[in-house]
Amino acid sequence: MQRTIPVKASKKPSTTFDRPISVRRYAARSLAARYIVAAFASCLLLASAARAQATGSNVFYLDPAQSTIKFTLDTTLHMVEGTFKLKSGKVSFDPATGKASGQITADATSADTANKSRDKKMHQEILESQKYPEIVFVVQQVKGAVNPQGASQVELSGVFRIHGQDHESTMTLSVERLPSGTIQADAKTSVPYIKWGLKNPSSFLLRANDTVGVEIHVTGQLVSEAQH
């Protein structure tokens, strides 16, 4: 007698809807999570692009009419005090990297100590201002940030150019942003003028210090220039 072998019915391909309820819910949640992650990543990319477009240089425009440069030289007889006039000033810097450019320029021919004979000697023999009419600080790096309001402190590094020679130098500025938006900055520094190649003004009766103290007060506007 021939035996009949029963044939099993083939299973239908399983689908998500054939799975238990818990499995279907897990799949739906996983798919929704992937959509959320993708949307969040897209938002981050768009925000990054917007920031990149808005990023640019901050530019500090100095106002010579409202800025002062004072210097002092101590001697065995008395303290010599004088002033320079600010000729121009513009400093551009990237807040993200601190990389900077621009310069602050003082008029060497304007140096004045309120003593005609002393000033004549200063201009002819020490500054030689007719030959070197400008004293320049070339800014190359800015460290620190200017707060939206109130006081802050930044450090300027660059090259101090005087009497035809360049010298690496750093100045610390105390910065104040006024309610009007105007920026005021003050700095104090010492210039080793004899070491930097200027003539020693000392004489038999008068001995002068080998450094000059300099106080800078500048006023100006800080403008953000976005790159396009």
C-alpha atoms as a PDB file:
ATOM      1  CA  MET A   1       0.000   0.000   0.000  1.00  0.00           C
ATOM      2  CA  GLN A   2       1.331   3.357  -0.978  1.00  0.00           C
ATOM      3  CA  ARG A   3       1.730   5.824   1.919  1.00  0.00           C
ATOM      4  CA  THR A   4       0.554   9.348   1.532  1.00  0.00           C
ATOM      5  CA  ILE A   5       2.968  11.955   2.955  1.00  0.00           C
ATOM      6  CA  PRO A   6       1.152  15.043   4.255  1.00  0.00           C
ATOM      7  CA  VAL A   7       2.394  18.309   2.788  1.00  0.00           C
ATOM      8  CA  LYS A   8       2.719  21.254   5.165  1.00  0.00           C
ATOM      9  CA  ALA A   9       1.222  24.544   4.028  1.00  0.00           C
ATOM     10  CA  SER A  10       3.894  27.172   3.260  1.00  0.00           C
ATOM     11  CA  LYS A  11       4.026  30.165   5.561  1.00  0.00           C
ATOM     12  CA  LYS A  12       3.264  33.603   4.259  1.00  0.00           C
ATOM     13  CA  PRO A  13       6.173  36.073   4.348  1.00  0.00           C
ATOM     14  CA  SER A  14       6.084  37.717   7.694  1.00  0.00           C
ATOM     15  CA  THR A  15       5.361  41.430   7.847  1.00  0.00           C
ATOM     16  CA  THR A  16       5.453  43.969  10.598  1.00  0.00           C
ATOM     17  CA  PHE A  17       1.701  43.611  10.980  1.00  0.00           C
ATOM     18  CA  ASP A  18       2.030  39.869  11.565  1.00  0.00           C
ATOM     19  CA  ARG A  19       4.396  40.428  14.493  1.00  0.00           C
ATOM     20  CA  PRO A  20       3.226  40.666  18.069  1.00  0.00           C
ATOM     21  CA  ILE A  21       1.920  44.067  19.202  1.00  0.00           C
ATOM     22  CA  SER A  22       5.041  44.771  21.313  1.00  0.00           C
ATOM     23  CA  VAL A  23       7.362  44.161  18.344  1.00  0.00           C
ATOM     24  CA  ARG A  24       5.309  46.471  16.084  1.00  0.00           C
ATOM     25  CA  ARG A  25       5.384  49.226  18.676  1.00  0.00           C
ATOM     26  CA  TYR A  26       9.170  48.887  19.036  1.00  0.00           C
ATOM     27  CA  ALA A  27       9.628  49.145  15.264  1.00  0.00           C
ATOM     28  CA  ALA A  28       7.401  52.215  15.080  1.00  0.00           C
ATOM     29  CA  ARG A  29       9.265  53.890  17.894  1.00  0.00           C
ATOM     30  CA  SER A  30      12.632  53.120  16.284  1.00  0.00           C
ATOM     31  CA  LEU A  31      11.478  54.630  12.987  1.00  0.00           C
ATOM     32  CA  ALA A  32      10.173  57.738  14.772  1.00  0.00           C
ATOM     33  CA  ALA A  33      13.448  58.070  16.673  1.00  0.00           C
ATOM     34  CA  ARG A  34      15.402  57.955  13.418  1.00  0.00           C
ATOM     35  CA  TYR A  35      13.218  60.719  11.974  1.00  0.00           C
ATOM     36  CA  ILE A  36      13.737  62.858  15.096  1.00  0.00           C
ATOM     37  CA  VAL A  37      17.534  62.393  15.013  1.00  0.00           C
ATOM     38  CA  ALA A  38      17.628  63.276  11.308  1.00  0.00           C
ATOM     39  CA  ALA A  39      15.537  66.404  11.868  1.00  0.00           C
ATOM     40  CA  PHE A  40      17.698  67.469  14.817  1.00  0.00           C
ATOM     41  CA  ALA A  41      20.888  66.971  12.785  1.00  0.00           C
ATOM     42  CA  SER A  42      19.429  69.067   9.960  1.00  0.00           C
ATOM     43  CA  CYS A  43      18.638  71.870  12.402  1.00  0.00           C
ATOM     44  CA  LEU A  44      22.190  71.773  13.725  1.00  0.00           C
ATOM     45  CA  LEU A  45      23.603  71.971  10.215  1.00  0.00           C
ATOM     46  CA  LEU A  46      21.365  74.909   9.345  1.00  0.00           C
ATOM     47  CA  ALA A  47      22.305  76.709  12.560  1.00  0.00           C
ATOM     48  CA  SER A  48      26.010  76.123  11.903  1.00  0.00           C
ATOM     49  CA  ALA A  49      25.659  77.490   8.377  1.00  0.00           C
ATOM     50  CA  ALA A  50      23.847  80.557   9.696  1.00  0.00           C
ATOM     51  CA  ARG A  51      26.577  81.177  12.242  1.00  0.00           C
ATOM     52  CA  ALA A  52      29.250  80.760   9.583  1.00  0.00           C
ATOM     53  CA  GLN A  53      27.556  83.344   7.384  1.00  0.00           C
ATOM     54  CA  ALA A  54      27.177  85.775  10.288  1.00  0.00           C
ATOM     55  CA  THR A  55      30.741  85.355  11.537  1.00  0.00           C
ATOM     56  CA  GLY A  56      33.008  88.221  10.641  1.00  0.00           C
ATOM     57  CA  SER A  57      35.503  90.669  12.021  1.00  0.00           C
ATOM     58  CA  ASN A  58      34.967  93.142  14.790  1.00  0.00           C
ATOM     59  CA  VAL A  59      36.439  96.521  13.916  1.00  0.00           C
ATOM     60  CA  PHE A  60      37.387  99.139  16.513  1.00  0.00           C
ATOM     61  CA  TYR A  61      37.500 102.638  15.011  1.00  0.00           C
ATOM     62  CA  LEU A  62      39.396 105.080  17.252  1.00  0.00           C
ATOM     63  CA  ASP A  63      38.402 108.741  17.481  1.00  0.00           C
ATOM     64  CA  PRO A  64      41.600 110.881  17.568  1.00  0.00           C
ATOM     65  CA  ALA A  65      39.675 113.941  18.796  1.00  0.00           C
ATOM     66  CA  GLN A  66      38.618 112.109  21.972  1.00  0.00           C
ATOM     67  CA  SER A  67      41.825 110.176  22.600  1.00  0.00           C
ATOM     68  CA  THR A  68      44.999 111.125  24.468  1.00  0.00           C
ATOM     69  CA  ILE A  69      48.542 109.792  24.771  1.00  0.00           C
ATOM     70  CA  LYS A  70      50.634 110.953  27.727  1.00  0.00           C
ATOM     71  CA  PHE A  71      54.236 110.153  28.573  1.00  0.00           C
ATOM     72  CA  THR A  72      56.440 110.672  31.619  1.00  0.00           C
ATOM     73  CA  LEU A  73      60.230 110.574  31.990  1.00  0.00           C
ATOM     74  CA  ASP A  74      61.738 110.550  35.445  1.00  0.00           C
ATOM     75  CA  THR A  75      65.016 112.468  35.914  1.00  0.00           C
ATOM     76  CA  THR A  76      67.240 113.378  38.858  1.00  0.00           C
ATOM     77  CA  LEU A  77      65.838 116.917  38.842  1.00  0.00           C
ATOM     78  CA  HIS A  78      62.145 116.484  38.105  1.00  0.00           C
ATOM     79  CA  MET A  79      59.510 114.449  36.307  1.00  0.00           C
ATOM     80  CA  VAL A  80      59.118 115.422  32.658  1.00  0.00           C
ATOM     81  CA  GLU A  81      55.529 115.131  31.418  1.00  0.00           C
ATOM     82  CA  GLY A  82      54.373 115.402  27.836  1.00  0.00           C
ATOM     83  CA  THR A  83      51.775 114.419  25.275  1.00  0.00           C
ATOM     84  CA  PHE A  84      51.419 113.015  21.776  1.00  0.00           C
ATOM     85  CA  LYS A  85      48.409 113.402  19.516  1.00  0.00           C
ATOM     86  CA  LEU A  86      46.692 110.311  18.181  1.00  0.00           C
ATOM     87  CA  LYS A  87      46.809 110.460  14.398  1.00  0.00           C
ATOM     88  CA  SER A  88      44.620 107.498  13.492  1.00  0.00           C
ATOM     89  CA  GLY A  89      43.531 104.104  14.719  1.00  0.00           C
ATOM     90  CA  LYS A  90      41.692 101.082  13.372  1.00  0.00           C
ATOM     91  CA  VAL A  91      41.910  97.520  14.674  1.00  0.00           C
ATOM     92  CA  SER A  92      40.160  94.543  13.057  1.00  0.00           C
ATOM     93  CA  PHE A  93      40.019  91.185  14.844  1.00  0.00           C
ATOM     94  CA  ASP A  94      38.287  87.837  14.670  1.00  0.00           C
ATOM     95  CA  PRO A  95      36.659  87.078  18.052  1.00  0.00           C
ATOM     96  CA  ALA A  96      36.890  83.324  17.399  1.00  0.00           C
ATOM     97  CA  THR A  97      40.634  83.139  16.677  1.00  0.00           C
ATOM     98  CA  GLY A  98      41.980  86.418  18.031  1.00  0.00           C
ATOM     99  CA  LYS A  99      43.819  87.086  14.797  1.00  0.00           C
ATOM    100  CA  ALA A 100      44.024  90.837  14.243  1.00  0.00           C
ATOM    101  CA  SER A 101      45.239  93.526  11.873  1.00  0.00           C
ATOM    102  CA  GLY A 102      45.373  97.301  11.779  1.00  0.00           C
ATOM    103  CA  GLN A 103      47.359  99.877  13.692  1.00  0.00           C
ATOM    104  CA  ILE A 104      47.304 102.730  16.175  1.00  0.00           C
ATOM    105  CA  THR A 105      49.364 105.704  15.003  1.00  0.00           C
ATOM    106  CA  ALA A 106      50.664 108.621  17.043  1.00  0.00           C
ATOM    107  CA  ASP A 107      52.020 111.824  15.519  1.00  0.00           C
ATOM    108  CA  ALA A 108      55.666 112.032  16.646  1.00  0.00           C
ATOM    109  CA  THR A 109      55.922 115.649  15.492  1.00  0.00           C
ATOM    110  CA  SER A 110      53.202 116.585  18.015  1.00  0.00           C
ATOM    111  CA  ALA A 111      55.271 115.602  21.083  1.00  0.00           C
ATOM    112  CA  ASP A 112      55.053 118.444  23.587  1.00  0.00           C
ATOM    113  CA  THR A 113      56.440 118.911  27.119  1.00  0.00           C
ATOM    114  CA  ALA A 114      55.552 122.631  27.462  1.00  0.00           C
ATOM    115  CA  ASN A 115      59.217 123.641  27.313  1.00  0.00           C
ATOM    116  CA  LYS A 116      60.361 125.021  23.953  1.00  0.00           C
ATOM    117  CA  SER A 117      64.098 124.461  24.359  1.00  0.00           C
ATOM    118  CA  ARG A 118      63.603 120.949  25.723  1.00  0.00           C
ATOM    119  CA  ASP A 119      61.086 120.104  22.989  1.00  0.00           C
ATOM    120  CA  LYS A 120      63.472 121.347  20.301  1.00  0.00           C
ATOM    121  CA  LYS A 121      66.185 119.015  21.566  1.00  0.00           C
ATOM    122  CA  MET A 122      63.694 116.150  21.886  1.00  0.00           C
ATOM    123  CA  HIS A 123      62.532 116.501  18.274  1.00  0.00           C
ATOM    124  CA  GLN A 124      65.953 117.132  16.732  1.00  0.00           C
ATOM    125  CA  GLU A 125      68.191 114.778  18.719  1.00  0.00           C
ATOM    126  CA  ILE A 126      66.060 112.066  20.319  1.00  0.00           C
ATOM    127  CA  LEU A 127      62.863 111.426  18.353  1.00  0.00           C
ATOM    128  CA  GLU A 128      64.233 112.861  15.091  1.00  0.00           C
ATOM    129  CA  SER A 129      60.575 113.432  14.322  1.00  0.00           C
ATOM    130  CA  GLN A 130      61.172 115.078  10.950  1.00  0.00           C
ATOM    131  CA  LYS A 131      62.772 111.840   9.772  1.00  0.00           C
ATOM    132  CA  TYR A 132      60.445 109.512  11.706  1.00  0.00           C
ATOM    133  CA  PRO A 133      57.125 111.409  11.917  1.00  0.00           C
ATOM    134  CA  GLU A 134      55.022 108.496  13.192  1.00  0.00           C
ATOM    135  CA  ILE A 135      55.060 106.144  16.160  1.00  0.00           C
ATOM    136  CA  VAL A 136      52.990 103.066  15.325  1.00  0.00           C
ATOM    137  CA  PHE A 137      51.635 100.037  17.153  1.00  0.00           C
ATOM    138  CA  VAL A 138      50.779  97.328  14.615  1.00  0.00           C
ATOM    139  CA  VAL A 139      48.247  94.931  16.133  1.00  0.00           C
ATOM    140  CA  GLN A 140      48.561  91.225  15.276  1.00  0.00           C
ATOM    141  CA  GLN A 141      46.673  89.387  18.022  1.00  0.00           C
ATOM    142  CA  VAL A 142      43.843  90.131  20.444  1.00  0.00           C
ATOM    143  CA  LYS A 143      43.246  88.011  23.543  1.00  0.00           C
ATOM    144  CA  GLY A 144      40.043  88.362  25.520  1.00  0.00           C
ATOM    145  CA  ALA A 145      36.554  89.530  24.649  1.00  0.00           C
ATOM    146  CA  VAL A 146      34.766  92.866  24.911  1.00  0.00           C
ATOM    147  CA  ASN A 147      31.668  92.395  27.050  1.00  0.00           C
ATOM    148  CA  PRO A 148      28.327  93.617  25.647  1.00  0.00           C
ATOM    149  CA  GLN A 149      28.048  95.947  28.654  1.00  0.00           C
ATOM    150  CA  GLY A 150      30.352  97.253  31.338  1.00  0.00           C
ATOM    151  CA  ALA A 151      34.030  96.555  31.878  1.00  0.00           C
ATOM    152  CA  SER A 152      36.317  93.966  30.322  1.00  0.00           C
ATOM    153  CA  GLN A 153      39.992  93.444  29.653  1.00  0.00           C
ATOM    154  CA  VAL A 154      41.816  92.524  26.460  1.00  0.00           C
ATOM    155  CA  GLU A 155      45.448  92.067  25.501  1.00  0.00           C
ATOM    156  CA  LEU A 156      46.925  93.422  22.292  1.00  0.00           C
ATOM    157  CA  SER A 157      50.096  91.874  20.888  1.00  0.00           C
ATOM    158  CA  GLY A 158      52.019  93.164  17.920  1.00  0.00           C
ATOM    159  CA  VAL A 159      54.881  95.372  16.814  1.00  0.00           C
ATOM    160  CA  PHE A 160      55.825  98.744  18.286  1.00  0.00           C
ATOM    161  CA  ARG A 161      57.469 100.831  15.558  1.00  0.00           C
ATOM    162  CA  ILE A 162      59.504 103.837  16.696  1.00  0.00           C
ATOM    163  CA  HIS A 163      62.530 105.649  15.275  1.00  0.00           C
ATOM    164  CA  GLY A 164      62.526 103.373  12.228  1.00  0.00           C
ATOM    165  CA  GLN A 165      62.780 100.112  14.194  1.00  0.00           C
ATOM    166  CA  ASP A 166      60.247  97.383  15.042  1.00  0.00           C
ATOM    167  CA  HIS A 167      59.944  95.796  18.481  1.00  0.00           C
ATOM    168  CA  GLU A 168      57.575  93.054  19.645  1.00  0.00           C
ATOM    169  CA  SER A 169      55.270  94.382  22.325  1.00  0.00           C
ATOM    170  CA  THR A 170      52.115  93.555  24.297  1.00  0.00           C
ATOM    171  CA  MET A 171      49.631  95.946  25.910  1.00  0.00           C
ATOM    172  CA  THR A 172      46.791  95.218  28.300  1.00  0.00           C
ATOM    173  CA  LEU A 173      43.694  97.389  27.805  1.00  0.00           C
ATOM    174  CA  SER A 174      40.965  98.056  30.340  1.00  0.00           C
ATOM    175  CA  VAL A 175      37.850  98.419  28.203  1.00  0.00           C
ATOM    176  CA  GLU A 176      34.525 100.029  29.110  1.00  0.00           C
ATOM    177  CA  ARG A 177      31.427  99.865  26.918  1.00  0.00           C
ATOM    178  CA  LEU A 178      29.202 102.851  27.671  1.00  0.00           C
ATOM    179  CA  PRO A 179      25.362 102.707  27.450  1.00  0.00           C
ATOM    180  CA  SER A 180      25.602 104.758  24.238  1.00  0.00           C
ATOM    181  CA  GLY A 181      27.670 101.993  22.639  1.00  0.00           C
ATOM    182  CA  THR A 182      30.897 104.011  22.681  1.00  0.00           C
ATOM    183  CA  ILE A 183      34.014 102.106  23.692  1.00  0.00           C
ATOM    184  CA  GLN A 184      36.674 103.611  25.970  1.00  0.00           C
ATOM    185  CA  ALA A 185      39.988 101.854  26.537  1.00  0.00           C
ATOM    186  CA  ASP A 186      42.963 102.662  28.753  1.00  0.00           C
ATOM    187  CA  ALA A 187      46.456 101.187  28.794  1.00  0.00           C
ATOM    188  CA  LYS A 188      49.749 101.773  30.579  1.00  0.00           C
ATOM    189  CA  THR A 189      53.082 100.583  29.279  1.00  0.00           C
ATOM    190  CA  SER A 190      56.802 101.301  29.522  1.00  0.00           C
ATOM    191  CA  VAL A 191      59.010 102.011  26.525  1.00  0.00           C
ATOM    192  CA  PRO A 192      62.740 101.186  26.929  1.00  0.00           C
ATOM    193  CA  TYR A 193      63.654 103.938  24.485  1.00  0.00           C
ATOM    194  CA  ILE A 194      67.428 103.769  25.011  1.00  0.00           C
ATOM    195  CA  LYS A 195      67.466  99.999  24.534  1.00  0.00           C
ATOM    196  CA  TRP A 196      65.408 100.533  21.393  1.00  0.00           C
ATOM    197  CA  GLY A 197      68.031 102.802  19.860  1.00  0.00           C
ATOM    198  CA  LEU A 198      67.017 106.349  20.843  1.00  0.00           C
ATOM    199  CA  LYS A 199      69.587 108.768  22.189  1.00  0.00           C
ATOM    200  CA  ASN A 200      70.051 109.096  25.954  1.00  0.00           C
ATOM    201  CA  PRO A 201      69.058 112.650  26.999  1.00  0.00           C
ATOM    202  CA  SER A 202      71.147 112.529  30.179  1.00  0.00           C
ATOM    203  CA  SER A 203      73.761 115.215  30.791  1.00  0.00           C
ATOM    204  CA  PHE A 204      76.399 115.997  33.413  1.00  0.00           C
ATOM    205  CA  LEU A 205      73.809 117.656  35.656  1.00  0.00           C
ATOM    206  CA  LEU A 206      70.748 115.600  34.771  1.00  0.00           C
ATOM    207  CA  ARG A 207      70.288 111.855  34.684  1.00  0.00           C
ATOM    208  CA  ALA A 208      67.226 110.493  32.905  1.00  0.00           C
ATOM    209  CA  ASN A 209      65.554 107.148  33.394  1.00  0.00           C
ATOM    210  CA  ASP A 210      66.126 104.654  30.579  1.00  0.00           C
ATOM    211  CA  THR A 211      62.388 103.987  30.164  1.00  0.00           C
ATOM    212  CA  VAL A 212      59.441 106.243  29.369  1.00  0.00           C
ATOM    213  CA  GLY A 213      56.052 105.610  30.928  1.00  0.00           C
ATOM    214  CA  VAL A 214      53.159 105.848  28.483  1.00  0.00           C
ATOM    215  CA  GLU A 215      49.443 106.190  29.294  1.00  0.00           C
ATOM    216  CA  ILE A 216      46.946 105.747  26.480  1.00  0.00           C
ATOM    217  CA  HIS A 217      43.267 106.674  26.578  1.00  0.00           C
ATOM    218  CA  VAL A 218      41.278 105.998  23.412  1.00  0.00           C
ATOM    219  CA  THR A 219      37.621 106.376  22.508  1.00  0.00           C
ATOM    220  CA  GLY A 220      35.845 104.869  19.542  1.00  0.00           C
ATOM    221  CA  GLN A 221      33.187 102.595  18.115  1.00  0.00           C
ATOM    222  CA  LEU A 222      33.187  98.799  17.895  1.00  0.00           C
ATOM    223  CA  VAL A 223      31.473  97.571  14.725  1.00  0.00           C
ATOM    224  CA  SER A 224      30.739  93.987  13.699  1.00  0.00           C
ATOM    225  CA  GLU A 225      31.314  93.434   9.984  1.00  0.00           C
ATOM    226  CA  ALA A 226      29.741  90.122   8.892  1.00  0.00           C
ATOM    227  CA  GLN A 227      31.242  88.258   5.985  1.00  0.00           C
ATOM    228  CA  HIS A 228      28.964  87.562   3.051  1.00  0.00           C
END
